[in-house]
Structures are given as structure tokens and as C-alpha cells.
Amino acid sequence: MLEKFHAFVMDEQGVTAIEYGLIAALIAVAVIAVVTTIGTRLNEAFQSICTKLNNNTACT
């Protein structure tokens, strides 16, 4: 019984899978943050262009 417990504790396969899962989750969070920021800035840029093209009247 003690040998099986020791083998379970020393097994690193599950740890590797969890590490890859955490790395994938962190990458996903970073991608979402970057895309959100870029989307907001692009929206602001297009709104500015639209306003200038429409003689300073607001765009929807």
C-alpha cells in the first residue's frame, strides 16, 4: 500500500497536464485583453474619422 502511495506522489504526468492547462488559460486571458484593447482603440479611431467626415456631427 505504501509503495502505491509513493508511486502516486512521484507520478508527474498529471502535474504536466495541469501546467499546460494553466499556460493555455493564461495565454487565452492575455489574448482576450489585447483584442479588447485593440477593439476599443479601433472603435475610437473610426468614431473620430466618422466625426471629421460628417463635419463634427456625432456618429452612431
PDB file of N, CA and C in Angstrom:
ATOM      1  N   MET A   1       0.820  -1.192   0.000  1.00  0.00           N
ATOM      2  CA  MET A   1       0.000   0.000   0.000  1.00  0.00           C
ATOM      3  C   MET A   1       0.862   1.252   0.000  1.00  0.00           C
ATOM      4  N   LEU A   2       1.899   1.256   0.815  1.00  0.00           N
ATOM      5  CA  LEU A   2       2.803   2.394   0.898  1.00  0.00           C
ATOM      6  C   LEU A   2       3.534   2.601  -0.427  1.00  0.00           C
ATOM      7  N   GLU A   3       3.854   1.521  -1.119  1.00  0.00           N
ATOM      8  CA  GLU A   3       4.532   1.619  -2.413  1.00  0.00           C
ATOM      9  C   GLU A   3       3.630   2.294  -3.447  1.00  0.00           C
ATOM     10  N   LYS A   4       2.347   1.965  -3.439  1.00  0.00           N
ATOM     11  CA  LYS A   4       1.409   2.583  -4.380  1.00  0.00           C
ATOM     12  C   LYS A   4       1.250   4.069  -4.087  1.00  0.00           C
ATOM     13  N   PHE A   5       1.201   4.425  -2.818  1.00  0.00           N
ATOM     14  CA  PHE A   5       1.085   5.838  -2.450  1.00  0.00           C
ATOM     15  C   PHE A   5       2.336   6.598  -2.896  1.00  0.00           C
ATOM     16  N   HIS A   6       3.497   6.000  -2.689  1.00  0.00           N
ATOM     17  CA  HIS A   6       4.749   6.629  -3.098  1.00  0.00           C
ATOM     18  C   HIS A   6       4.787   6.788  -4.624  1.00  0.00           C
ATOM     19  N   ALA A   7       4.355   5.780  -5.364  1.00  0.00           N
ATOM     20  CA  ALA A   7       4.317   5.863  -6.828  1.00  0.00           C
ATOM     21  C   ALA A   7       3.353   6.957  -7.270  1.00  0.00           C
ATOM     22  N   PHE A   8       2.216   7.086  -6.585  1.00  0.00           N
ATOM     23  CA  PHE A   8       1.240   8.132  -6.903  1.00  0.00           C
ATOM     24  C   PHE A   8       1.827   9.518  -6.680  1.00  0.00           C
ATOM     25  N   VAL A   9       2.529   9.709  -5.580  1.00  0.00           N
ATOM     26  CA  VAL A   9       3.125  11.005  -5.261  1.00  0.00           C
ATOM     27  C   VAL A   9       4.228  11.354  -6.257  1.00  0.00           C
ATOM     28  N   MET A  10       4.982  10.367  -6.693  1.00  0.00           N
ATOM     29  CA  MET A  10       6.102  10.618  -7.599  1.00  0.00           C
ATOM     30  C   MET A  10       5.664  10.755  -9.058  1.00  0.00           C
ATOM     31  N   ASP A  11       4.432  10.369  -9.404  1.00  0.00           N
ATOM     32  CA  ASP A  11       3.941  10.460 -10.777  1.00  0.00           C
ATOM     33  C   ASP A  11       3.760  11.922 -11.160  1.00  0.00           C
ATOM     34  N   GLU A  12       4.398  12.359 -12.249  1.00  0.00           N
ATOM     35  CA  GLU A  12       4.356  13.750 -12.666  1.00  0.00           C
ATOM     36  C   GLU A  12       3.528  13.980 -13.920  1.00  0.00           C
ATOM     37  N   GLN A  13       2.891  12.970 -14.458  1.00  0.00           N
ATOM     38  CA  GLN A  13       2.110  13.146 -15.678  1.00  0.00           C
ATOM     39  C   GLN A  13       0.946  14.102 -15.469  1.00  0.00           C
ATOM     40  N   GLY A  14       0.227  13.961 -14.393  1.00  0.00           N
ATOM     41  CA  GLY A  14      -0.896  14.839 -14.115  1.00  0.00           C
ATOM     42  C   GLY A  14      -0.455  16.273 -13.892  1.00  0.00           C
ATOM     43  N   VAL A  15       0.682  16.445 -13.256  1.00  0.00           N
ATOM     44  CA  VAL A  15       1.207  17.778 -12.994  1.00  0.00           C
ATOM     45  C   VAL A  15       1.525  18.474 -14.315  1.00  0.00           C
ATOM     46  N   THR A  16       2.101  17.761 -15.255  1.00  0.00           N
ATOM     47  CA  THR A  16       2.433  18.335 -16.554  1.00  0.00           C
ATOM     48  C   THR A  16       1.172  18.770 -17.282  1.00  0.00           C
ATOM     49  N   ALA A  17       0.138  17.966 -17.243  1.00  0.00           N
ATOM     50  CA  ALA A  17      -1.113  18.319 -17.902  1.00  0.00           C
ATOM     51  C   ALA A  17      -1.729  19.568 -17.272  1.00  0.00           C
ATOM     52  N   ILE A  18      -1.669  19.662 -15.963  1.00  0.00           N
ATOM     53  CA  ILE A  18      -2.200  20.844 -15.278  1.00  0.00           C
ATOM     54  C   ILE A  18      -1.388  22.079 -15.648  1.00  0.00           C
ATOM     55  N   GLU A  19      -0.078  21.934 -15.730  1.00  0.00           N
ATOM     56  CA  GLU A  19       0.772  23.068 -16.113  1.00  0.00           C
ATOM     57  C   GLU A  19       0.432  23.554 -17.517  1.00  0.00           C
ATOM     58  N   TYR A  20       0.247  22.635 -18.451  1.00  0.00           N
ATOM     59  CA  TYR A  20      -0.118  23.027 -19.810  1.00  0.00           C
ATOM     60  C   TYR A  20      -1.491  23.697 -19.826  1.00  0.00           C
ATOM     61  N   GLY A  21      -2.392  23.212 -19.019  1.00  0.00           N
ATOM     62  CA  GLY A  21      -3.715  23.835 -18.926  1.00  0.00           C
ATOM     63  C   GLY A  21      -3.640  25.248 -18.381  1.00  0.00           C
ATOM     64  N   LEU A  22      -2.826  25.457 -17.361  1.00  0.00           N
ATOM     65  CA  LEU A  22      -2.661  26.800 -16.802  1.00  0.00           C
ATOM     66  C   LEU A  22      -2.000  27.745 -17.799  1.00  0.00           C
ATOM     67  N   ILE A  23      -1.012  27.261 -18.528  1.00  0.00           N
ATOM     68  CA  ILE A  23      -0.356  28.087 -19.538  1.00  0.00           C
ATOM     69  C   ILE A  23      -1.356  28.473 -20.626  1.00  0.00           C
ATOM     70  N   ALA A  24      -2.163  27.519 -21.076  1.00  0.00           N
ATOM     71  CA  ALA A  24      -3.165  27.811 -22.102  1.00  0.00           C
ATOM     72  C   ALA A  24      -4.184  28.830 -21.597  1.00  0.00           C
ATOM     73  N   ALA A  25      -4.579  28.716 -20.338  1.00  0.00           N
ATOM     74  CA  ALA A  25      -5.537  29.669 -19.766  1.00  0.00           C
ATOM     75  C   ALA A  25      -4.928  31.069 -19.682  1.00  0.00           C
ATOM     76  N   LEU A  26      -3.677  31.175 -19.279  1.00  0.00           N
ATOM     77  CA  LEU A  26      -3.018  32.480 -19.202  1.00  0.00           C
ATOM     78  C   LEU A  26      -2.865  33.109 -20.585  1.00  0.00           C
ATOM     79  N   ILE A  27      -2.540  32.298 -21.575  1.00  0.00           N
ATOM     80  CA  ILE A  27      -2.434  32.811 -22.940  1.00  0.00           C
ATOM     81  C   ILE A  27      -3.789  33.299 -23.420  1.00  0.00           C
ATOM     82  N   ALA A  28      -4.855  32.554 -23.118  1.00  0.00           N
ATOM     83  CA  ALA A  28      -6.198  32.966 -23.521  1.00  0.00           C
ATOM     84  C   ALA A  28      -6.588  34.291 -22.878  1.00  0.00           C
ATOM     85  N   VAL A  29      -6.280  34.462 -21.610  1.00  0.00           N
ATOM     86  CA  VAL A  29      -6.593  35.718 -20.920  1.00  0.00           C
ATOM     87  C   VAL A  29      -5.822  36.871 -21.555  1.00  0.00           C
ATOM     88  N   ALA A  30      -4.553  36.648 -21.866  1.00  0.00           N
ATOM     89  CA  ALA A  30      -3.745  37.698 -22.490  1.00  0.00           C
ATOM     90  C   ALA A  30      -4.294  38.070 -23.861  1.00  0.00           C
ATOM     91  N   VAL A  31      -4.677  37.080 -24.646  1.00  0.00           N
ATOM     92  CA  VAL A  31      -5.232  37.349 -25.976  1.00  0.00           C
ATOM     93  C   VAL A  31      -6.530  38.138 -25.866  1.00  0.00           C
ATOM     94  N   ILE A  32      -7.388  37.768 -24.936  1.00  0.00           N
ATOM     95  CA  ILE A  32      -8.658  38.488 -24.751  1.00  0.00           C
ATOM     96  C   ILE A  32      -8.397  39.930 -24.358  1.00  0.00           C
ATOM     97  N   ALA A  33      -7.448  40.152 -23.465  1.00  0.00           N
ATOM     98  CA  ALA A  33      -7.132  41.515 -23.029  1.00  0.00           C
ATOM     99  C   ALA A  33      -6.606  42.350 -24.183  1.00  0.00           C
ATOM    100  N   VAL A  34      -5.722  41.789 -24.986  1.00  0.00           N
ATOM    101  CA  VAL A  34      -5.145  42.523 -26.112  1.00  0.00           C
ATOM    102  C   VAL A  34      -6.212  42.820 -27.163  1.00  0.00           C
ATOM    103  N   VAL A  35      -7.024  41.846 -27.493  1.00  0.00           N
ATOM    104  CA  VAL A  35      -8.060  42.048 -28.511  1.00  0.00           C
ATOM    105  C   VAL A  35      -9.073  43.086 -28.040  1.00  0.00           C
ATOM    106  N   THR A  36      -9.436  43.061 -26.780  1.00  0.00           N
ATOM    107  CA  THR A  36     -10.371  44.050 -26.243  1.00  0.00           C
ATOM    108  C   THR A  36      -9.786  45.453 -26.334  1.00  0.00           C
ATOM    109  N   THR A  37      -8.525  45.599 -25.965  1.00  0.00           N
ATOM    110  CA  THR A  37      -7.870  46.903 -26.024  1.00  0.00           C
ATOM    111  C   THR A  37      -7.772  47.409 -27.457  1.00  0.00           C
ATOM    112  N   ILE A  38      -7.371  46.543 -28.364  1.00  0.00           N
ATOM    113  CA  ILE A  38      -7.263  46.940 -29.763  1.00  0.00           C
ATOM    114  C   ILE A  38      -8.635  47.304 -30.317  1.00  0.00           C
ATOM    115  N   GLY A  39      -9.660  46.531 -29.969  1.00  0.00           N
ATOM    116  CA  GLY A  39     -11.009  46.824 -30.436  1.00  0.00           C
ATOM    117  C   GLY A  39     -11.503  48.175 -29.965  1.00  0.00           C
ATOM    118  N   THR A  40     -11.226  48.497 -28.719  1.00  0.00           N
ATOM    119  CA  THR A  40     -11.644  49.794 -28.180  1.00  0.00           C
ATOM    120  C   THR A  40     -10.928  50.928 -28.902  1.00  0.00           C
ATOM    121  N   ARG A  41      -9.643  50.784 -29.098  1.00  0.00           N
ATOM    122  CA  ARG A  41      -8.875  51.842 -29.777  1.00  0.00           C
ATOM    123  C   ARG A  41      -9.297  51.987 -31.233  1.00  0.00           C
ATOM    124  N   LEU A  42      -9.571  50.870 -31.908  1.00  0.00           N
ATOM    125  CA  LEU A  42     -10.044  50.954 -33.287  1.00  0.00           C
ATOM    126  C   LEU A  42     -11.398  51.651 -33.354  1.00  0.00           C
ATOM    127  N   ASN A  43     -12.275  51.343 -32.422  1.00  0.00           N
ATOM    128  CA  ASN A  43     -13.588  51.987 -32.387  1.00  0.00           C
ATOM    129  C   ASN A  43     -13.435  53.492 -32.198  1.00  0.00           C
ATOM    130  N   GLU A  44     -12.563  53.899 -31.296  1.00  0.00           N
ATOM    131  CA  GLU A  44     -12.325  55.331 -31.079  1.00  0.00           C
ATOM    132  C   GLU A  44     -11.774  55.993 -32.340  1.00  0.00           C
ATOM    133  N   ALA A  45     -10.864  55.320 -33.028  1.00  0.00           N
ATOM    134  CA  ALA A  45     -10.284  55.876 -34.246  1.00  0.00           C
ATOM    135  C   ALA A  45     -11.346  56.033 -35.331  1.00  0.00           C
ATOM    136  N   PHE A  46     -12.186  55.012 -35.516  1.00  0.00           N
ATOM    137  CA  PHE A  46     -13.227  55.098 -36.534  1.00  0.00           C
ATOM    138  C   PHE A  46     -14.281  56.151 -36.179  1.00  0.00           C
ATOM    139  N   GLN A  47     -14.577  56.288 -34.902  1.00  0.00           N
ATOM    140  CA  GLN A  47     -15.516  57.328 -34.488  1.00  0.00           C
ATOM    141  C   GLN A  47     -14.943  58.714 -34.785  1.00  0.00           C
ATOM    142  N   SER A  48     -13.661  58.893 -34.543  1.00  0.00           N
ATOM    143  CA  SER A  48     -13.011  60.175 -34.828  1.00  0.00           C
ATOM    144  C   SER A  48     -13.039  60.477 -36.322  1.00  0.00           C
ATOM    145  N   ILE A  49     -12.726  59.488 -37.130  1.00  0.00           N
ATOM    146  CA  ILE A  49     -12.747  59.667 -38.585  1.00  0.00           C
ATOM    147  C   ILE A  49     -14.161  59.992 -39.060  1.00  0.00           C
ATOM    148  N   CYS A  50     -15.131  59.262 -38.536  1.00  0.00           N
ATOM    149  CA  CYS A  50     -16.526  59.485 -38.914  1.00  0.00           C
ATOM    150  C   CYS A  50     -16.971  60.897 -38.547  1.00  0.00           C
ATOM    151  N   THR A  51     -16.621  61.348 -37.368  1.00  0.00           N
ATOM    152  CA  THR A  51     -16.988  62.694 -36.920  1.00  0.00           C
ATOM    153  C   THR A  51     -16.366  63.754 -37.823  1.00  0.00           C
ATOM    154  N   LYS A  52     -15.113  63.568 -38.196  1.00  0.00           N
ATOM    155  CA  LYS A  52     -14.445  64.535 -39.061  1.00  0.00           C
ATOM    156  C   LYS A  52     -15.050  64.546 -40.466  1.00  0.00           C
ATOM    157  N   LEU A  53     -15.446  63.375 -40.945  1.00  0.00           N
ATOM    158  CA  LEU A  53     -16.060  63.312 -42.273  1.00  0.00           C
ATOM    159  C   LEU A  53     -17.461  63.905 -42.298  1.00  0.00           C
ATOM    160  N   ASN A  54     -18.137  63.881 -41.168  1.00  0.00           N
ATOM    161  CA  ASN A  54     -19.507  64.405 -41.087  1.00  0.00           C
ATOM    162  C   ASN A  54     -19.547  65.817 -40.524  1.00  0.00           C
ATOM    163  N   ASN A  55     -18.475  66.580 -40.700  1.00  0.00           N
ATOM    164  CA  ASN A  55     -18.428  67.974 -40.239  1.00  0.00           C
ATOM    165  C   ASN A  55     -18.766  68.112 -38.758  1.00  0.00           C
ATOM    166  N   ASN A  56     -18.106  67.297 -37.944  1.00  0.00           N
ATOM    167  CA  ASN A  56     -18.217  67.365 -36.477  1.00  0.00           C
ATOM    168  C   ASN A  56     -19.591  67.010 -35.924  1.00  0.00           C
ATOM    169  N   THR A  57     -20.426  66.324 -36.669  1.00  0.00           N
ATOM    170  CA  THR A  57     -21.666  65.816 -36.088  1.00  0.00           C
ATOM    171  C   THR A  57     -21.398  64.395 -35.605  1.00  0.00           C
ATOM    172  N   ALA A  58     -22.068  64.018 -34.551  1.00  0.00           N
ATOM    173  CA  ALA A  58     -21.807  62.733 -33.911  1.00  0.00           C
ATOM    174  C   ALA A  58     -22.197  61.561 -34.827  1.00  0.00           C
ATOM    175  N   CYS A  59     -21.441  60.519 -34.743  1.00  0.00           N
ATOM    176  CA  CYS A  59     -21.709  59.281 -35.490  1.00  0.00           C
ATOM    177  C   CYS A  59     -22.261  58.240 -34.518  1.00  0.00           C
ATOM    178  N   THR A  60     -23.075  57.355 -35.035  1.00  0.00           N
ATOM    179  CA  THR A  60     -23.625  56.297 -34.181  1.00  0.00           C
ATOM    180  C   THR A  60     -22.970  54.983 -34.452  1.00  0.00           C
TER     181      THR A  60
END
